[in-house]
Amino acid sequence: MNSKYKTVSVTADRPLVGKLLQKHRFHDGLGQFRLPSEQQLAMLDAFQTLDVNLAIAYTEEFIVGYAIILPPEPYERWVKMKEIRVLGVVEVAPPYRNQQAASSLLTALLDEGDYEKNILISLEYRWHWDLDSVNGDSALYKKLLQKLLMKGGFEEVLTNEPDIMNYHDNFMMVRFGRDVPSEIVKRFLELSGNPISNNVR
């Protein structure tokens, strides 16, 4: 899928994403997780070696945003269920925000992959957030993240995951594919430590 908002184009088409990762440079504003050059190498390596889907927001010169869906890490509890995939990150360089780039990245990513038999999770940690962009207002940033993810069909699900429980602003959002059986949903809720895991959707 390709879409265009002003000067920013968004794609999740694998051949094009591969070319962009090799020929375009990550914008200097993409530094929330590591140095932009290091993050670009990490994304390229994941794209080439792992079972991932990646969406890219780009201009004629730079990659200005990206989003990735990938398998859980081997040490995480989520690896116990083959249906689970992780929305790893959605990042847009500050000068290119407020152009619907983040929602376009998420839409492109979901449209490109077939996730109706999957459970997608997004683990949101306060220490990864760009709080400077909201004058340090973590509650506002959380609301913005929740709004973005809800557009993609995600909902908040309680979990006893230690990193989520470590800080009251941290949270988990989950997208249950339309074709996920109720028994798989129940198993996921039990795995997550959800206090209402006995309730079947």
N, C-alpha and C. Protein backbone atom coordinates (compact mmCIF):
# COMPACT_ATOMS: atom_id res chain seq x y z
N MET A 1 0.85 -1.19 0.00
CA MET A 1 0.00 0.00 0.00
C MET A 1 0.88 1.23 0.00
N ASN A 2 0.58 2.18 -0.85
CA ASN A 2 1.26 3.46 -0.85
C ASN A 2 0.24 4.56 -0.61
N SER A 3 0.58 5.52 0.22
CA SER A 3 -0.28 6.68 0.42
C SER A 3 0.59 7.90 0.58
N LYS A 4 0.01 9.07 0.33
CA LYS A 4 0.82 10.28 0.33
C LYS A 4 0.12 11.38 1.11
N TYR A 5 0.83 12.02 2.02
CA TYR A 5 0.33 13.15 2.77
C TYR A 5 1.34 14.28 2.62
N LYS A 6 0.98 15.31 1.84
CA LYS A 6 1.86 16.45 1.59
C LYS A 6 3.19 15.94 1.03
N THR A 7 4.30 16.18 1.77
CA THR A 7 5.62 15.80 1.26
C THR A 7 6.04 14.40 1.70
N VAL A 8 5.18 13.71 2.44
CA VAL A 8 5.55 12.41 2.99
C VAL A 8 4.76 11.30 2.32
N SER A 9 5.47 10.28 1.83
CA SER A 9 4.84 9.08 1.28
C SER A 9 5.01 7.94 2.28
N VAL A 10 4.06 7.02 2.28
CA VAL A 10 4.09 5.88 3.20
C VAL A 10 3.89 4.60 2.41
N THR A 11 4.72 3.60 2.69
CA THR A 11 4.59 2.32 2.01
C THR A 11 4.92 1.17 2.96
N ALA A 12 4.28 0.03 2.73
CA ALA A 12 4.65 -1.22 3.40
C ALA A 12 4.96 -2.29 2.36
N ASP A 13 5.07 -1.89 1.10
CA ASP A 13 5.41 -2.81 0.02
C ASP A 13 6.84 -3.32 0.22
N ARG A 14 7.01 -4.62 0.36
CA ARG A 14 8.30 -5.17 0.77
C ARG A 14 9.45 -4.80 -0.18
N PRO A 15 9.31 -4.96 -1.49
CA PRO A 15 10.43 -4.59 -2.36
C PRO A 15 10.83 -3.12 -2.20
N LEU A 16 9.83 -2.24 -2.11
CA LEU A 16 10.13 -0.81 -1.98
C LEU A 16 10.74 -0.51 -0.61
N VAL A 17 10.21 -1.12 0.43
CA VAL A 17 10.78 -0.92 1.77
C VAL A 17 12.24 -1.34 1.80
N GLY A 18 12.56 -2.48 1.18
CA GLY A 18 13.94 -2.94 1.13
C GLY A 18 14.86 -1.95 0.43
N LYS A 19 14.39 -1.39 -0.68
CA LYS A 19 15.19 -0.40 -1.42
C LYS A 19 15.39 0.86 -0.60
N LEU A 20 14.32 1.33 0.05
CA LEU A 20 14.41 2.55 0.84
C LEU A 20 15.39 2.39 2.00
N LEU A 21 15.35 1.25 2.66
CA LEU A 21 16.25 1.03 3.79
C LEU A 21 17.71 1.05 3.37
N GLN A 22 17.99 0.68 2.13
CA GLN A 22 19.37 0.64 1.65
C GLN A 22 19.82 1.94 1.01
N LYS A 23 18.89 2.71 0.45
CA LYS A 23 19.27 3.89 -0.33
C LYS A 23 18.98 5.21 0.36
N HIS A 24 17.95 5.25 1.20
CA HIS A 24 17.61 6.48 1.92
C HIS A 24 18.27 6.46 3.30
N ARG A 25 18.48 7.64 3.85
CA ARG A 25 19.06 7.76 5.19
C ARG A 25 17.98 8.09 6.20
N PHE A 26 18.09 7.49 7.39
CA PHE A 26 17.18 7.84 8.48
C PHE A 26 17.36 9.31 8.84
N HIS A 27 16.25 10.01 8.98
CA HIS A 27 16.27 11.41 9.40
C HIS A 27 16.89 11.53 10.79
N ASP A 28 17.60 12.63 11.02
CA ASP A 28 18.26 12.83 12.31
C ASP A 28 17.27 12.86 13.48
N GLY A 29 16.00 13.13 13.19
CA GLY A 29 14.99 13.16 14.24
C GLY A 29 14.53 11.80 14.71
N LEU A 30 14.97 10.74 14.05
CA LEU A 30 14.58 9.38 14.44
C LEU A 30 15.59 8.83 15.43
N GLY A 31 15.64 9.42 16.61
CA GLY A 31 16.64 9.02 17.59
C GLY A 31 16.07 8.67 18.95
N GLN A 32 14.82 8.28 18.99
CA GLN A 32 14.19 8.02 20.28
C GLN A 32 14.71 6.74 20.94
N PHE A 33 15.18 5.78 20.14
CA PHE A 33 15.59 4.49 20.68
C PHE A 33 17.11 4.29 20.63
N ARG A 34 17.73 4.76 19.58
CA ARG A 34 19.20 4.73 19.46
C ARG A 34 19.57 5.73 18.37
N LEU A 35 20.84 5.89 18.09
CA LEU A 35 21.25 6.80 17.03
C LEU A 35 20.58 6.41 15.72
N PRO A 36 20.13 7.40 14.91
CA PRO A 36 19.42 7.08 13.68
C PRO A 36 20.15 6.08 12.78
N SER A 37 21.46 6.24 12.63
CA SER A 37 22.21 5.33 11.76
C SER A 37 22.19 3.91 12.33
N GLU A 38 22.27 3.79 13.65
CA GLU A 38 22.23 2.47 14.28
C GLU A 38 20.84 1.85 14.17
N GLN A 39 19.82 2.68 14.32
CA GLN A 39 18.46 2.17 14.21
C GLN A 39 18.17 1.71 12.79
N GLN A 40 18.69 2.43 11.80
CA GLN A 40 18.50 2.03 10.41
C GLN A 40 19.14 0.67 10.15
N LEU A 41 20.35 0.47 10.65
CA LEU A 41 21.01 -0.83 10.48
C LEU A 41 20.23 -1.94 11.18
N ALA A 42 19.68 -1.63 12.36
CA ALA A 42 18.90 -2.62 13.10
C ALA A 42 17.63 -2.99 12.34
N MET A 43 16.96 -1.99 11.76
CA MET A 43 15.74 -2.25 11.00
C MET A 43 16.05 -3.04 9.73
N LEU A 44 17.16 -2.71 9.07
CA LEU A 44 17.55 -3.43 7.86
C LEU A 44 17.88 -4.88 8.18
N ASP A 45 18.60 -5.09 9.27
CA ASP A 45 18.95 -6.46 9.67
C ASP A 45 17.70 -7.26 10.01
N ALA A 46 16.78 -6.66 10.75
CA ALA A 46 15.53 -7.35 11.10
C ALA A 46 14.72 -7.67 9.86
N PHE A 47 14.67 -6.71 8.94
CA PHE A 47 13.90 -6.89 7.71
C PHE A 47 14.44 -8.03 6.87
N GLN A 48 15.76 -8.18 6.87
CA GLN A 48 16.40 -9.19 6.02
C GLN A 48 16.49 -10.57 6.68
N THR A 49 16.44 -10.63 8.00
CA THR A 49 16.71 -11.90 8.67
C THR A 49 15.56 -12.44 9.51
N LEU A 50 14.58 -11.62 9.85
CA LEU A 50 13.49 -12.05 10.71
C LEU A 50 12.15 -12.03 9.98
N ASP A 51 11.17 -12.66 10.58
CA ASP A 51 9.81 -12.66 10.03
C ASP A 51 9.11 -11.38 10.47
N VAL A 52 9.40 -10.29 9.76
CA VAL A 52 8.86 -8.98 10.14
C VAL A 52 8.16 -8.33 8.95
N ASN A 53 7.26 -7.42 9.28
CA ASN A 53 6.69 -6.50 8.30
C ASN A 53 7.03 -5.09 8.74
N LEU A 54 7.40 -4.26 7.78
CA LEU A 54 7.88 -2.92 8.08
C LEU A 54 7.20 -1.92 7.15
N ALA A 55 6.76 -0.81 7.72
CA ALA A 55 6.22 0.30 6.93
C ALA A 55 7.17 1.48 7.07
N ILE A 56 7.32 2.23 5.99
CA ILE A 56 8.26 3.34 5.94
C ILE A 56 7.54 4.61 5.50
N ALA A 57 7.81 5.72 6.19
CA ALA A 57 7.40 7.05 5.74
C ALA A 57 8.65 7.74 5.21
N TYR A 58 8.56 8.32 4.04
CA TYR A 58 9.77 8.84 3.42
C TYR A 58 9.50 10.07 2.55
N THR A 59 10.55 10.84 2.35
CA THR A 59 10.54 11.95 1.41
C THR A 59 11.53 11.61 0.30
N GLU A 60 11.83 12.56 -0.55
CA GLU A 60 12.80 12.31 -1.61
C GLU A 60 14.20 12.04 -1.06
N GLU A 61 14.46 12.56 0.15
CA GLU A 61 15.81 12.45 0.71
C GLU A 61 15.93 11.48 1.88
N PHE A 62 14.91 11.45 2.72
CA PHE A 62 15.06 10.75 4.00
C PHE A 62 13.93 9.76 4.28
N ILE A 63 14.24 8.79 5.13
CA ILE A 63 13.21 8.03 5.83
C ILE A 63 12.87 8.83 7.07
N VAL A 64 11.60 9.22 7.20
CA VAL A 64 11.20 10.12 8.28
C VAL A 64 10.29 9.43 9.31
N GLY A 65 10.00 8.16 9.09
CA GLY A 65 9.18 7.42 10.04
C GLY A 65 9.15 5.95 9.68
N TYR A 66 8.80 5.13 10.64
CA TYR A 66 8.73 3.69 10.39
C TYR A 66 7.87 3.03 11.47
N ALA A 67 7.37 1.86 11.14
CA ALA A 67 6.63 1.03 12.09
C ALA A 67 6.93 -0.42 11.74
N ILE A 68 6.99 -1.27 12.75
CA ILE A 68 7.39 -2.65 12.52
C ILE A 68 6.54 -3.62 13.34
N ILE A 69 6.19 -4.74 12.74
CA ILE A 69 5.55 -5.86 13.43
C ILE A 69 6.50 -7.04 13.32
N LEU A 70 6.78 -7.67 14.45
CA LEU A 70 7.77 -8.74 14.49
C LEU A 70 7.39 -9.79 15.54
N PRO A 71 8.06 -10.94 15.53
CA PRO A 71 7.77 -11.95 16.54
C PRO A 71 8.23 -11.49 17.92
N PRO A 72 7.69 -12.09 18.99
CA PRO A 72 8.19 -11.78 20.33
C PRO A 72 9.64 -12.22 20.49
N GLU A 73 10.34 -11.58 21.42
CA GLU A 73 11.70 -12.00 21.73
C GLU A 73 11.67 -13.38 22.39
N PRO A 74 12.71 -14.20 22.18
CA PRO A 74 12.73 -15.56 22.73
C PRO A 74 12.56 -15.63 24.25
N TYR A 75 12.98 -14.58 24.95
CA TYR A 75 12.91 -14.59 26.41
C TYR A 75 11.58 -14.07 26.95
N GLU A 76 10.70 -13.59 26.08
CA GLU A 76 9.43 -13.02 26.52
C GLU A 76 8.36 -14.11 26.67
N ARG A 77 7.43 -13.89 27.57
CA ARG A 77 6.34 -14.85 27.77
C ARG A 77 5.50 -15.03 26.52
N TRP A 78 5.42 -14.00 25.68
CA TRP A 78 4.53 -14.00 24.52
C TRP A 78 4.95 -15.03 23.47
N VAL A 79 6.19 -15.50 23.55
CA VAL A 79 6.67 -16.47 22.57
C VAL A 79 5.98 -17.83 22.76
N LYS A 80 5.26 -17.98 23.86
CA LYS A 80 4.57 -19.25 24.13
C LYS A 80 3.36 -19.46 23.23
N MET A 81 2.92 -18.40 22.55
CA MET A 81 1.76 -18.53 21.65
C MET A 81 2.16 -18.11 20.24
N LYS A 82 1.99 -19.02 19.29
CA LYS A 82 2.39 -18.75 17.91
C LYS A 82 1.54 -17.66 17.27
N GLU A 83 0.37 -17.38 17.85
CA GLU A 83 -0.52 -16.38 17.26
C GLU A 83 -0.07 -14.95 17.54
N ILE A 84 0.83 -14.77 18.50
CA ILE A 84 1.19 -13.42 18.94
C ILE A 84 2.27 -12.81 18.06
N ARG A 85 2.03 -11.56 17.66
CA ARG A 85 3.03 -10.72 17.01
C ARG A 85 3.09 -9.40 17.77
N VAL A 86 4.21 -8.72 17.66
CA VAL A 86 4.44 -7.50 18.44
C VAL A 86 4.56 -6.29 17.52
N LEU A 87 3.76 -5.26 17.79
CA LEU A 87 3.97 -3.97 17.15
C LEU A 87 5.12 -3.33 17.90
N GLY A 88 6.31 -3.41 17.30
CA GLY A 88 7.52 -3.03 18.02
C GLY A 88 7.65 -1.55 18.28
N VAL A 89 7.37 -0.75 17.27
CA VAL A 89 7.55 0.70 17.42
C VAL A 89 6.85 1.41 16.27
N VAL A 90 6.37 2.60 16.56
CA VAL A 90 5.92 3.55 15.53
C VAL A 90 6.62 4.86 15.85
N GLU A 91 7.55 5.27 14.99
CA GLU A 91 8.31 6.50 15.25
C GLU A 91 8.29 7.40 14.02
N VAL A 92 8.04 8.68 14.25
CA VAL A 92 8.04 9.69 13.19
C VAL A 92 8.93 10.85 13.64
N ALA A 93 9.80 11.32 12.76
CA ALA A 93 10.67 12.45 13.09
C ALA A 93 9.83 13.69 13.39
N PRO A 94 10.19 14.46 14.42
CA PRO A 94 9.38 15.61 14.84
C PRO A 94 8.94 16.57 13.74
N PRO A 95 9.79 16.93 12.77
CA PRO A 95 9.34 17.88 11.75
C PRO A 95 8.22 17.34 10.85
N TYR A 96 7.99 16.04 10.88
CA TYR A 96 7.01 15.42 9.98
C TYR A 96 5.79 14.89 10.72
N ARG A 97 5.65 15.28 11.98
CA ARG A 97 4.45 14.90 12.72
C ARG A 97 3.30 15.84 12.35
N ASN A 98 2.13 15.51 12.81
CA ASN A 98 0.92 16.28 12.50
C ASN A 98 0.58 16.26 11.01
N GLN A 99 1.05 15.24 10.30
CA GLN A 99 0.69 15.03 8.90
C GLN A 99 0.02 13.66 8.72
N GLN A 100 -0.47 13.09 9.81
CA GLN A 100 -1.09 11.77 9.82
C GLN A 100 -0.12 10.66 9.45
N ALA A 101 1.17 10.94 9.56
CA ALA A 101 2.16 9.93 9.17
C ALA A 101 2.09 8.70 10.06
N ALA A 102 1.94 8.89 11.37
CA ALA A 102 1.91 7.74 12.28
C ALA A 102 0.72 6.83 12.00
N SER A 103 -0.46 7.43 11.84
CA SER A 103 -1.64 6.61 11.55
C SER A 103 -1.54 5.96 10.18
N SER A 104 -0.90 6.64 9.23
CA SER A 104 -0.72 6.07 7.90
C SER A 104 0.24 4.88 7.94
N LEU A 105 1.29 4.99 8.75
CA LEU A 105 2.22 3.87 8.92
C LEU A 105 1.51 2.66 9.49
N LEU A 106 0.70 2.88 10.51
CA LEU A 106 -0.01 1.77 11.14
C LEU A 106 -1.01 1.15 10.18
N THR A 107 -1.74 1.99 9.46
CA THR A 107 -2.72 1.49 8.49
C THR A 107 -2.04 0.68 7.40
N ALA A 108 -0.94 1.21 6.86
CA ALA A 108 -0.21 0.50 5.80
C ALA A 108 0.30 -0.85 6.28
N LEU A 109 0.81 -0.87 7.50
CA LEU A 109 1.36 -2.09 8.07
C LEU A 109 0.28 -3.15 8.23
N LEU A 110 -0.88 -2.75 8.74
CA LEU A 110 -1.97 -3.70 8.96
C LEU A 110 -2.58 -4.16 7.64
N ASP A 111 -2.62 -3.27 6.66
CA ASP A 111 -3.18 -3.63 5.35
C ASP A 111 -2.28 -4.58 4.58
N GLU A 112 -0.97 -4.43 4.76
CA GLU A 112 -0.02 -5.24 3.99
C GLU A 112 0.03 -6.68 4.49
N GLY A 113 -0.11 -6.86 5.80
CA GLY A 113 -0.07 -8.21 6.37
C GLY A 113 -1.46 -8.74 6.64
N ASP A 114 -1.57 -10.06 6.74
CA ASP A 114 -2.84 -10.69 7.09
C ASP A 114 -2.78 -11.07 8.56
N TYR A 115 -3.36 -10.23 9.40
CA TYR A 115 -3.26 -10.41 10.84
C TYR A 115 -4.57 -10.80 11.49
N GLU A 116 -5.53 -11.26 10.70
CA GLU A 116 -6.83 -11.60 11.28
C GLU A 116 -6.79 -12.89 12.08
N LYS A 117 -5.73 -13.68 11.93
CA LYS A 117 -5.57 -14.88 12.76
C LYS A 117 -4.54 -14.67 13.86
N ASN A 118 -4.09 -13.42 14.00
CA ASN A 118 -3.06 -13.09 14.97
C ASN A 118 -3.59 -12.21 16.10
N ILE A 119 -2.84 -12.24 17.18
CA ILE A 119 -3.03 -11.30 18.28
C ILE A 119 -1.82 -10.37 18.26
N LEU A 120 -2.06 -9.10 17.99
CA LEU A 120 -0.98 -8.11 17.96
C LEU A 120 -0.94 -7.39 19.29
N ILE A 121 0.24 -7.28 19.86
CA ILE A 121 0.38 -6.56 21.12
C ILE A 121 1.33 -5.38 20.95
N SER A 122 1.06 -4.33 21.70
CA SER A 122 1.94 -3.17 21.74
C SER A 122 2.21 -2.85 23.20
N LEU A 123 3.46 -3.01 23.60
CA LEU A 123 3.87 -2.77 24.98
C LEU A 123 4.45 -1.36 25.07
N GLU A 124 3.77 -0.49 25.78
CA GLU A 124 4.13 0.93 25.80
C GLU A 124 4.80 1.29 27.12
N TYR A 125 6.05 1.77 27.01
CA TYR A 125 6.84 2.10 28.19
C TYR A 125 7.15 3.60 28.19
N ARG A 126 6.92 4.22 29.31
CA ARG A 126 7.10 5.67 29.44
C ARG A 126 8.52 6.10 29.08
N TRP A 127 9.52 5.27 29.39
CA TRP A 127 10.91 5.67 29.15
C TRP A 127 11.28 5.68 27.67
N HIS A 128 10.38 5.21 26.82
CA HIS A 128 10.62 5.29 25.37
C HIS A 128 9.92 6.50 24.73
N TRP A 129 9.13 7.23 25.50
CA TRP A 129 8.29 8.27 24.91
C TRP A 129 9.05 9.58 24.72
N ASP A 130 8.67 10.31 23.71
CA ASP A 130 9.24 11.64 23.44
C ASP A 130 8.43 12.67 24.24
N LEU A 131 8.67 12.71 25.54
CA LEU A 131 7.87 13.59 26.40
C LEU A 131 8.18 15.06 26.18
N ASP A 132 9.34 15.37 25.61
CA ASP A 132 9.65 16.77 25.31
C ASP A 132 8.63 17.35 24.32
N SER A 133 8.07 16.49 23.47
CA SER A 133 7.12 16.97 22.46
C SER A 133 5.78 17.38 23.07
N VAL A 134 5.53 16.98 24.32
CA VAL A 134 4.27 17.34 25.00
C VAL A 134 4.57 18.05 26.32
N ASN A 135 5.73 18.72 26.38
CA ASN A 135 6.12 19.47 27.57
C ASN A 135 6.12 18.61 28.84
N GLY A 136 6.52 17.36 28.67
CA GLY A 136 6.63 16.47 29.81
C GLY A 136 5.34 15.88 30.33
N ASP A 137 4.25 16.10 29.62
CA ASP A 137 2.93 15.63 30.06
C ASP A 137 2.74 14.17 29.64
N SER A 138 3.10 13.25 30.53
CA SER A 138 3.03 11.83 30.19
C SER A 138 1.59 11.35 30.01
N ALA A 139 0.65 11.94 30.75
CA ALA A 139 -0.75 11.55 30.61
C ALA A 139 -1.27 11.90 29.22
N LEU A 140 -0.87 13.06 28.71
CA LEU A 140 -1.28 13.47 27.36
C LEU A 140 -0.65 12.55 26.32
N TYR A 141 0.63 12.24 26.49
CA TYR A 141 1.30 11.37 25.52
C TYR A 141 0.64 10.00 25.49
N LYS A 142 0.28 9.51 26.66
CA LYS A 142 -0.40 8.21 26.74
C LYS A 142 -1.72 8.25 25.99
N LYS A 143 -2.49 9.32 26.16
CA LYS A 143 -3.76 9.45 25.45
C LYS A 143 -3.56 9.48 23.94
N LEU A 144 -2.52 10.17 23.49
CA LEU A 144 -2.23 10.24 22.06
C LEU A 144 -1.87 8.87 21.51
N LEU A 145 -1.08 8.11 22.25
CA LEU A 145 -0.72 6.76 21.83
C LEU A 145 -1.94 5.85 21.78
N GLN A 146 -2.77 5.94 22.80
CA GLN A 146 -3.98 5.11 22.84
C GLN A 146 -4.90 5.44 21.67
N LYS A 147 -5.04 6.72 21.38
CA LYS A 147 -5.88 7.15 20.26
C LYS A 147 -5.36 6.60 18.94
N LEU A 148 -4.04 6.68 18.74
CA LEU A 148 -3.42 6.15 17.53
C LEU A 148 -3.69 4.66 17.39
N LEU A 149 -3.45 3.91 18.44
CA LEU A 149 -3.59 2.46 18.38
C LEU A 149 -5.04 2.03 18.25
N MET A 150 -5.95 2.76 18.86
CA MET A 150 -7.37 2.44 18.73
C MET A 150 -7.83 2.56 17.28
N LYS A 151 -7.23 3.48 16.53
CA LYS A 151 -7.55 3.61 15.11
C LYS A 151 -7.22 2.32 14.35
N GLY A 152 -6.23 1.59 14.85
CA GLY A 152 -5.84 0.33 14.22
C GLY A 152 -6.56 -0.88 14.79
N GLY A 153 -7.55 -0.65 15.64
CA GLY A 153 -8.32 -1.75 16.20
C GLY A 153 -7.76 -2.32 17.49
N PHE A 154 -6.82 -1.61 18.11
CA PHE A 154 -6.25 -2.06 19.38
C PHE A 154 -7.13 -1.62 20.55
N GLU A 155 -7.05 -2.36 21.64
CA GLU A 155 -7.74 -2.02 22.88
C GLU A 155 -6.79 -2.28 24.04
N GLU A 156 -6.99 -1.57 25.13
CA GLU A 156 -6.11 -1.78 26.28
C GLU A 156 -6.49 -3.06 27.01
N VAL A 157 -5.48 -3.84 27.36
CA VAL A 157 -5.67 -5.08 28.11
C VAL A 157 -4.72 -5.05 29.31
N LEU A 158 -5.25 -5.35 30.48
CA LEU A 158 -4.42 -5.37 31.69
C LEU A 158 -3.49 -6.57 31.67
N THR A 159 -2.31 -6.39 32.24
CA THR A 159 -1.32 -7.46 32.29
C THR A 159 -0.48 -7.32 33.55
N ASN A 160 0.08 -8.43 34.01
CA ASN A 160 1.02 -8.38 35.13
C ASN A 160 2.46 -8.40 34.66
N GLU A 161 2.67 -8.10 33.38
CA GLU A 161 4.03 -7.97 32.84
C GLU A 161 4.81 -6.98 33.70
N PRO A 162 5.95 -7.39 34.29
CA PRO A 162 6.66 -6.53 35.24
C PRO A 162 7.00 -5.14 34.70
N ASP A 163 7.48 -5.05 33.46
CA ASP A 163 7.85 -3.75 32.92
C ASP A 163 6.63 -2.84 32.74
N ILE A 164 5.46 -3.42 32.54
CA ILE A 164 4.25 -2.61 32.45
C ILE A 164 3.83 -2.14 33.84
N MET A 165 3.96 -3.01 34.83
CA MET A 165 3.52 -2.69 36.18
C MET A 165 4.50 -1.77 36.92
N ASN A 166 5.71 -1.62 36.38
CA ASN A 166 6.73 -0.82 37.07
C ASN A 166 6.38 0.65 37.14
N TYR A 167 5.54 1.12 36.21
CA TYR A 167 5.21 2.54 36.20
C TYR A 167 3.76 2.70 35.78
N HIS A 168 3.04 3.57 36.47
CA HIS A 168 1.59 3.65 36.26
C HIS A 168 1.21 4.13 34.86
N ASP A 169 2.12 4.82 34.16
CA ASP A 169 1.80 5.29 32.81
C ASP A 169 1.97 4.19 31.76
N ASN A 170 2.74 3.15 32.07
CA ASN A 170 2.96 2.07 31.11
C ASN A 170 1.68 1.28 30.89
N PHE A 171 1.52 0.75 29.68
CA PHE A 171 0.29 0.01 29.38
C PHE A 171 0.51 -0.92 28.20
N MET A 172 -0.43 -1.84 28.01
CA MET A 172 -0.41 -2.75 26.87
C MET A 172 -1.69 -2.59 26.07
N MET A 173 -1.54 -2.52 24.75
CA MET A 173 -2.68 -2.49 23.84
C MET A 173 -2.64 -3.76 22.99
N VAL A 174 -3.81 -4.28 22.66
CA VAL A 174 -3.90 -5.56 21.95
C VAL A 174 -4.92 -5.45 20.82
N ARG A 175 -4.57 -6.05 19.69
CA ARG A 175 -5.52 -6.16 18.57
C ARG A 175 -5.79 -7.64 18.35
N PHE A 176 -7.03 -8.05 18.59
CA PHE A 176 -7.44 -9.43 18.35
C PHE A 176 -7.98 -9.55 16.93
N GLY A 177 -7.33 -10.36 16.10
CA GLY A 177 -7.81 -10.55 14.74
C GLY A 177 -9.21 -11.14 14.72
N ARG A 178 -9.94 -10.84 13.66
CA ARG A 178 -11.34 -11.30 13.57
C ARG A 178 -11.45 -12.82 13.61
N ASP A 179 -10.44 -13.53 13.14
CA ASP A 179 -10.51 -14.98 13.05
C ASP A 179 -9.83 -15.71 14.21
N VAL A 180 -9.53 -14.98 15.27
CA VAL A 180 -8.92 -15.62 16.44
C VAL A 180 -10.01 -16.28 17.28
N PRO A 181 -9.94 -17.60 17.48
CA PRO A 181 -10.98 -18.31 18.25
C PRO A 181 -11.02 -17.84 19.71
N SER A 182 -12.19 -17.96 20.32
CA SER A 182 -12.37 -17.50 21.69
C SER A 182 -11.44 -18.23 22.67
N GLU A 183 -11.15 -19.50 22.39
CA GLU A 183 -10.27 -20.23 23.30
C GLU A 183 -8.84 -19.71 23.24
N ILE A 184 -8.44 -19.19 22.06
CA ILE A 184 -7.11 -18.59 21.94
C ILE A 184 -7.08 -17.26 22.66
N VAL A 185 -8.17 -16.49 22.57
CA VAL A 185 -8.26 -15.24 23.31
C VAL A 185 -8.14 -15.50 24.81
N LYS A 186 -8.87 -16.51 25.28
CA LYS A 186 -8.82 -16.84 26.71
C LYS A 186 -7.41 -17.25 27.12
N ARG A 187 -6.76 -18.05 26.29
CA ARG A 187 -5.40 -18.47 26.61
C ARG A 187 -4.46 -17.27 26.67
N PHE A 188 -4.65 -16.33 25.75
CA PHE A 188 -3.82 -15.12 25.77
C PHE A 188 -4.04 -14.32 27.05
N LEU A 189 -5.29 -14.14 27.44
CA LEU A 189 -5.58 -13.38 28.64
C LEU A 189 -4.98 -14.05 29.88
N GLU A 190 -5.00 -15.36 29.90
CA GLU A 190 -4.36 -16.09 31.00
C GLU A 190 -2.85 -15.88 30.97
N LEU A 191 -2.27 -15.92 29.77
CA LEU A 191 -0.83 -15.71 29.63
C LEU A 191 -0.43 -14.31 30.06
N SER A 192 -1.28 -13.34 29.77
CA SER A 192 -0.97 -11.95 30.10
C SER A 192 -1.13 -11.65 31.58
N GLY A 193 -1.78 -12.57 32.31
CA GLY A 193 -2.05 -12.31 33.72
C GLY A 193 -3.22 -11.39 33.92
N ASN A 194 -4.10 -11.33 32.92
CA ASN A 194 -5.26 -10.45 33.01
C ASN A 194 -6.20 -10.95 34.10
N PRO A 195 -6.65 -10.06 34.99
CA PRO A 195 -7.50 -10.50 36.11
C PRO A 195 -8.88 -10.98 35.69
N ILE A 196 -9.29 -10.69 34.46
CA ILE A 196 -10.61 -11.15 34.01
C ILE A 196 -10.45 -12.20 32.92
N SER A 197 -9.39 -13.00 33.03
CA SER A 197 -9.09 -13.99 31.98
C SER A 197 -10.14 -15.07 31.88
N ASN A 198 -11.02 -15.18 32.85
CA ASN A 198 -12.09 -16.17 32.74
C ASN A 198 -13.21 -15.72 31.82
N ASN A 199 -13.19 -14.45 31.45
CA ASN A 199 -14.21 -13.95 30.53
C ASN A 199 -13.78 -14.22 29.10
N VAL A 200 -14.62 -14.87 28.32
CA VAL A 200 -14.30 -15.18 26.93
C VAL A 200 -15.00 -14.16 26.05
N ARG A 201 -14.24 -13.62 25.09
CA ARG A 201 -14.82 -12.63 24.19
C ARG A 201 -15.90 -13.26 23.33
